Amino acid sequence: MFKQLRTDESGLTLIELTIVIAILGILAAFIAPRVITAIDDAKVGKARTEIANLRVSLSKFSVDVGRYPSSEEGLDALWRSPSQELTSWRGPYVEDPISVDPWGNDYQYRYPGTHYGYDYDLISYGRDGKLGGEDLDADITNWVEEQEAGAQ
């Protein structure tokens, strides 16, 4: 009539389940920051690559047109002719238009440049979208900052 419960039935007790959840929480606490850091590092790498690609495209534009795009023409001149009168334009110079950095901020382009030895300034303000900063908030540029003597 009544079936007797077997004493060897397996299953998780509440304590065992709590221990498993605690272990998973500890693992997540160690792994999550590393994953987030890897994503941020990838964005920095992508911004550096995009600036390098834009430098090549700007050089091609300069060879064809005889000058770099003005600040007013901006990076749009790499995929759209700045004017109908510009017959030497042989673009587009980029396959996919790039105007924003990996953080969604506009790349800043200035011609003529303000840094010695560079014809133009091309900059991503980094994660914070502001001039200056350190680590992931640091600016990514087409120029190399000269380090002061003794600074490392």
C-alpha atoms as a PDB file:
ATOM      1  CA  MET A   1       0.000   0.000   0.000  1.00  0.00           C
ATOM      2  CA  PHE A   2       2.421   2.649   1.139  1.00  0.00           C
ATOM      3  CA  LYS A   3       5.829   2.673  -0.451  1.00  0.00           C
ATOM      4  CA  GLN A   4       8.613   3.104   1.956  1.00  0.00           C
ATOM      5  CA  LEU A   5      11.154   5.815   1.206  1.00  0.00           C
ATOM      6  CA  ARG A   6      14.575   4.506   0.600  1.00  0.00           C
ATOM      7  CA  THR A   7      17.275   6.020   2.687  1.00  0.00           C
ATOM      8  CA  ASP A   8      19.815   5.999  -0.136  1.00  0.00           C
ATOM      9  CA  GLU A   9      17.961   8.443  -2.431  1.00  0.00           C
ATOM     10  CA  SER A  10      20.396  11.011  -3.771  1.00  0.00           C
ATOM     11  CA  GLY A  11      19.863  14.739  -4.057  1.00  0.00           C
ATOM     12  CA  LEU A  12      21.319  18.039  -2.970  1.00  0.00           C
ATOM     13  CA  THR A  13      20.617  19.376   0.419  1.00  0.00           C
ATOM     14  CA  LEU A  14      20.174  23.074   1.024  1.00  0.00           C
ATOM     15  CA  ILE A  15      23.629  23.288   2.594  1.00  0.00           C
ATOM     16  CA  GLU A  16      25.291  21.613  -0.395  1.00  0.00           C
ATOM     17  CA  LEU A  17      23.447  23.921  -2.782  1.00  0.00           C
ATOM     18  CA  THR A  18      24.518  26.966  -0.753  1.00  0.00           C
ATOM     19  CA  ILE A  19      28.149  25.836  -0.838  1.00  0.00           C
ATOM     20  CA  VAL A  20      28.048  25.374  -4.634  1.00  0.00           C
ATOM     21  CA  ILE A  21      26.526  28.842  -5.101  1.00  0.00           C
ATOM     22  CA  ALA A  22      29.175  30.366  -2.802  1.00  0.00           C
ATOM     23  CA  ILE A  23      31.982  28.706  -4.774  1.00  0.00           C
ATOM     24  CA  LEU A  24      30.520  29.958  -8.055  1.00  0.00           C
ATOM     25  CA  GLY A  25      30.281  33.459  -6.580  1.00  0.00           C
ATOM     26  CA  ILE A  26      33.916  33.400  -5.511  1.00  0.00           C
ATOM     27  CA  LEU A  27      35.022  32.225  -8.956  1.00  0.00           C
ATOM     28  CA  ALA A  28      32.952  34.942 -10.641  1.00  0.00           C
ATOM     29  CA  ALA A  29      34.500  37.572  -8.379  1.00  0.00           C
ATOM     30  CA  PHE A  30      37.981  36.568  -9.563  1.00  0.00           C
ATOM     31  CA  ILE A  31      37.152  36.081 -13.253  1.00  0.00           C
ATOM     32  CA  ALA A  32      34.832  39.048 -13.965  1.00  0.00           C
ATOM     33  CA  PRO A  33      37.447  41.823 -13.463  1.00  0.00           C
ATOM     34  CA  ARG A  34      39.852  40.041 -15.800  1.00  0.00           C
ATOM     35  CA  VAL A  35      37.198  39.750 -18.500  1.00  0.00           C
ATOM     36  CA  ILE A  36      36.235  43.411 -18.144  1.00  0.00           C
ATOM     37  CA  THR A  37      39.906  44.457 -18.302  1.00  0.00           C
ATOM     38  CA  ALA A  38      40.390  42.357 -21.429  1.00  0.00           C
ATOM     39  CA  ILE A  39      37.444  44.105 -23.104  1.00  0.00           C
ATOM     40  CA  ASP A  40      38.822  47.550 -22.223  1.00  0.00           C
ATOM     41  CA  ASP A  41      42.294  46.566 -23.462  1.00  0.00           C
ATOM     42  CA  ALA A  42      40.750  45.382 -26.724  1.00  0.00           C
ATOM     43  CA  LYS A  43      39.076  48.778 -27.171  1.00  0.00           C
ATOM     44  CA  VAL A  44      42.416  50.535 -26.697  1.00  0.00           C
ATOM     45  CA  GLY A  45      43.968  48.221 -29.279  1.00  0.00           C
ATOM     46  CA  LYS A  46      41.112  48.858 -31.689  1.00  0.00           C
ATOM     47  CA  ALA A  47      41.511  52.631 -31.320  1.00  0.00           C
ATOM     48  CA  ARG A  48      45.257  52.373 -32.002  1.00  0.00           C
ATOM     49  CA  THR A  49      44.606  50.234 -35.078  1.00  0.00           C
ATOM     50  CA  GLU A  50      41.943  52.609 -36.388  1.00  0.00           C
ATOM     51  CA  ILE A  51      44.251  55.609 -35.947  1.00  0.00           C
ATOM     52  CA  ALA A  52      47.007  53.740 -37.794  1.00  0.00           C
ATOM     53  CA  ASN A  53      44.577  52.923 -40.628  1.00  0.00           C
ATOM     54  CA  LEU A  54      43.380  56.527 -40.763  1.00  0.00           C
ATOM     55  CA  ARG A  55      47.009  57.682 -40.986  1.00  0.00           C
ATOM     56  CA  VAL A  56      47.531  55.483 -44.044  1.00  0.00           C
ATOM     57  CA  SER A  57      44.306  56.767 -45.601  1.00  0.00           C
ATOM     58  CA  LEU A  58      45.269  60.384 -44.898  1.00  0.00           C
ATOM     59  CA  SER A  59      48.635  59.758 -46.578  1.00  0.00           C
ATOM     60  CA  LYS A  60      46.890  58.367 -49.675  1.00  0.00           C
ATOM     61  CA  PHE A  61      44.611  61.413 -49.750  1.00  0.00           C
ATOM     62  CA  SER A  62      47.656  63.691 -49.457  1.00  0.00           C
ATOM     63  CA  VAL A  63      49.468  61.948 -52.318  1.00  0.00           C
ATOM     64  CA  ASP A  64      46.443  62.260 -54.637  1.00  0.00           C
ATOM     65  CA  VAL A  65      45.242  65.729 -53.687  1.00  0.00           C
ATOM     66  CA  GLY A  66      48.555  67.344 -52.738  1.00  0.00           C
ATOM     67  CA  ARG A  67      47.426  68.295 -49.230  1.00  0.00           C
ATOM     68  CA  TYR A  68      45.728  66.836 -46.188  1.00  0.00           C
ATOM     69  CA  PRO A  69      42.021  67.438 -45.580  1.00  0.00           C
ATOM     70  CA  SER A  70      41.367  70.706 -43.772  1.00  0.00           C
ATOM     71  CA  SER A  71      39.949  70.656 -40.256  1.00  0.00           C
ATOM     72  CA  GLU A  72      36.612  71.718 -41.726  1.00  0.00           C
ATOM     73  CA  GLU A  73      36.609  68.860 -44.267  1.00  0.00           C
ATOM     74  CA  GLY A  74      37.651  66.461 -41.528  1.00  0.00           C
ATOM     75  CA  LEU A  75      37.848  62.704 -41.845  1.00  0.00           C
ATOM     76  CA  ASP A  76      34.730  62.719 -44.056  1.00  0.00           C
ATOM     77  CA  ALA A  77      37.065  63.679 -46.921  1.00  0.00           C
ATOM     78  CA  LEU A  78      38.448  60.135 -46.818  1.00  0.00           C
ATOM     79  CA  TRP A  79      35.181  58.561 -47.996  1.00  0.00           C
ATOM     80  CA  ARG A  80      33.388  61.478 -49.642  1.00  0.00           C
ATOM     81  CA  SER A  81      34.958  64.036 -51.985  1.00  0.00           C
ATOM     82  CA  PRO A  82      35.147  67.393 -50.201  1.00  0.00           C
ATOM     83  CA  SER A  83      34.080  69.261 -53.363  1.00  0.00           C
ATOM     84  CA  GLN A  84      33.197  68.694 -56.999  1.00  0.00           C
ATOM     85  CA  GLU A  85      36.119  70.890 -58.073  1.00  0.00           C
ATOM     86  CA  LEU A  86      38.613  68.543 -56.442  1.00  0.00           C
ATOM     87  CA  THR A  87      39.308  66.427 -59.553  1.00  0.00           C
ATOM     88  CA  SER A  88      42.426  64.760 -58.130  1.00  0.00           C
ATOM     89  CA  TRP A  89      40.436  63.024 -55.361  1.00  0.00           C
ATOM     90  CA  ARG A  90      40.636  59.250 -56.057  1.00  0.00           C
ATOM     91  CA  GLY A  91      38.786  57.957 -52.987  1.00  0.00           C
ATOM     92  CA  PRO A  92      37.209  56.592 -51.070  1.00  0.00           C
ATOM     93  CA  TYR A  93      40.382  55.985 -49.104  1.00  0.00           C
ATOM     94  CA  VAL A  94      38.763  53.798 -46.443  1.00  0.00           C
ATOM     95  CA  GLU A  95      36.495  50.783 -46.912  1.00  0.00           C
ATOM     96  CA  ASP A  96      34.238  51.605 -43.971  1.00  0.00           C
ATOM     97  CA  PRO A  97      33.834  55.166 -42.723  1.00  0.00           C
ATOM     98  CA  ILE A  98      35.377  55.570 -39.284  1.00  0.00           C
ATOM     99  CA  SER A  99      34.406  58.655 -37.333  1.00  0.00           C
ATOM    100  CA  VAL A 100      33.899  57.399 -33.780  1.00  0.00           C
ATOM    101  CA  ASP A 101      36.292  55.582 -31.485  1.00  0.00           C
ATOM    102  CA  PRO A 102      35.440  52.291 -29.721  1.00  0.00           C
ATOM    103  CA  TRP A 103      33.850  54.239 -26.836  1.00  0.00           C
ATOM    104  CA  GLY A 104      31.466  56.089 -29.176  1.00  0.00           C
ATOM    105  CA  ASN A 105      33.296  59.439 -29.074  1.00  0.00           C
ATOM    106  CA  ASP A 106      34.258  61.286 -32.251  1.00  0.00           C
ATOM    107  CA  TYR A 107      37.876  61.069 -33.367  1.00  0.00           C
ATOM    108  CA  GLN A 108      39.350  64.560 -33.284  1.00  0.00           C
ATOM    109  CA  TYR A 109      41.174  65.657 -36.444  1.00  0.00           C
ATOM    110  CA  ARG A 110      43.047  68.940 -36.853  1.00  0.00           C
ATOM    111  CA  TYR A 111      45.028  70.204 -39.827  1.00  0.00           C
ATOM    112  CA  PRO A 112      47.527  71.702 -39.590  1.00  0.00           C
ATOM    113  CA  GLY A 113      48.765  69.829 -36.555  1.00  0.00           C
ATOM    114  CA  THR A 114      50.039  71.410 -33.378  1.00  0.00           C
ATOM    115  CA  HIS A 115      52.779  68.877 -32.599  1.00  0.00           C
ATOM    116  CA  TYR A 116      56.278  69.298 -33.960  1.00  0.00           C
ATOM    117  CA  GLY A 117      57.064  66.898 -36.782  1.00  0.00           C
ATOM    118  CA  TYR A 118      53.436  65.950 -37.472  1.00  0.00           C
ATOM    119  CA  ASP A 119      51.313  67.448 -40.239  1.00  0.00           C
ATOM    120  CA  TYR A 120      47.995  66.850 -38.490  1.00  0.00           C
ATOM    121  CA  ASP A 121      46.578  65.820 -35.118  1.00  0.00           C
ATOM    122  CA  LEU A 122      44.398  62.724 -34.861  1.00  0.00           C
ATOM    123  CA  ILE A 123      43.205  61.796 -31.403  1.00  0.00           C
ATOM    124  CA  SER A 124      40.828  59.603 -29.429  1.00  0.00           C
ATOM    125  CA  TYR A 125      40.237  60.900 -25.917  1.00  0.00           C
ATOM    126  CA  GLY A 126      39.992  57.348 -24.549  1.00  0.00           C
ATOM    127  CA  ARG A 127      37.342  55.847 -22.323  1.00  0.00           C
ATOM    128  CA  ASP A 128      36.457  59.065 -20.477  1.00  0.00           C
ATOM    129  CA  GLY A 129      36.074  61.137 -23.667  1.00  0.00           C
ATOM    130  CA  LYS A 130      38.138  63.971 -22.155  1.00  0.00           C
ATOM    131  CA  LEU A 131      41.552  65.396 -22.972  1.00  0.00           C
ATOM    132  CA  GLY A 132      44.298  63.828 -20.857  1.00  0.00           C
ATOM    133  CA  GLY A 133      43.905  60.973 -18.451  1.00  0.00           C
ATOM    134  CA  GLU A 134      45.749  57.842 -17.460  1.00  0.00           C
ATOM    135  CA  ASP A 135      45.442  54.135 -18.176  1.00  0.00           C
ATOM    136  CA  LEU A 136      42.168  53.474 -20.037  1.00  0.00           C
ATOM    137  CA  ASP A 137      41.285  57.180 -19.942  1.00  0.00           C
ATOM    138  CA  ALA A 138      44.564  58.126 -21.650  1.00  0.00           C
ATOM    139  CA  ASP A 139      44.462  59.795 -25.049  1.00  0.00           C
ATOM    140  CA  ILE A 140      45.411  57.744 -28.103  1.00  0.00           C
ATOM    141  CA  THR A 141      47.123  59.863 -30.752  1.00  0.00           C
ATOM    142  CA  ASN A 142      48.980  59.764 -34.051  1.00  0.00           C
ATOM    143  CA  TRP A 143      51.951  61.509 -32.455  1.00  0.00           C
ATOM    144  CA  VAL A 144      54.437  60.352 -29.856  1.00  0.00           C
ATOM    145  CA  GLU A 145      54.849  62.511 -26.773  1.00  0.00           C
ATOM    146  CA  GLU A 146      58.437  63.384 -25.981  1.00  0.00           C
ATOM    147  CA  GLN A 147      59.337  62.177 -22.500  1.00  0.00           C
ATOM    148  CA  GLU A 148      61.277  64.458 -20.232  1.00  0.00           C
ATOM    149  CA  ALA A 149      64.858  63.502 -19.430  1.00  0.00           C
ATOM    150  CA  GLY A 150      64.942  61.105 -16.500  1.00  0.00           C
ATOM    151  CA  ALA A 151      61.229  60.193 -16.784  1.00  0.00           C
ATOM    152  CA  GLN A 152      60.491  56.524 -17.280  1.00  0.00           C
END
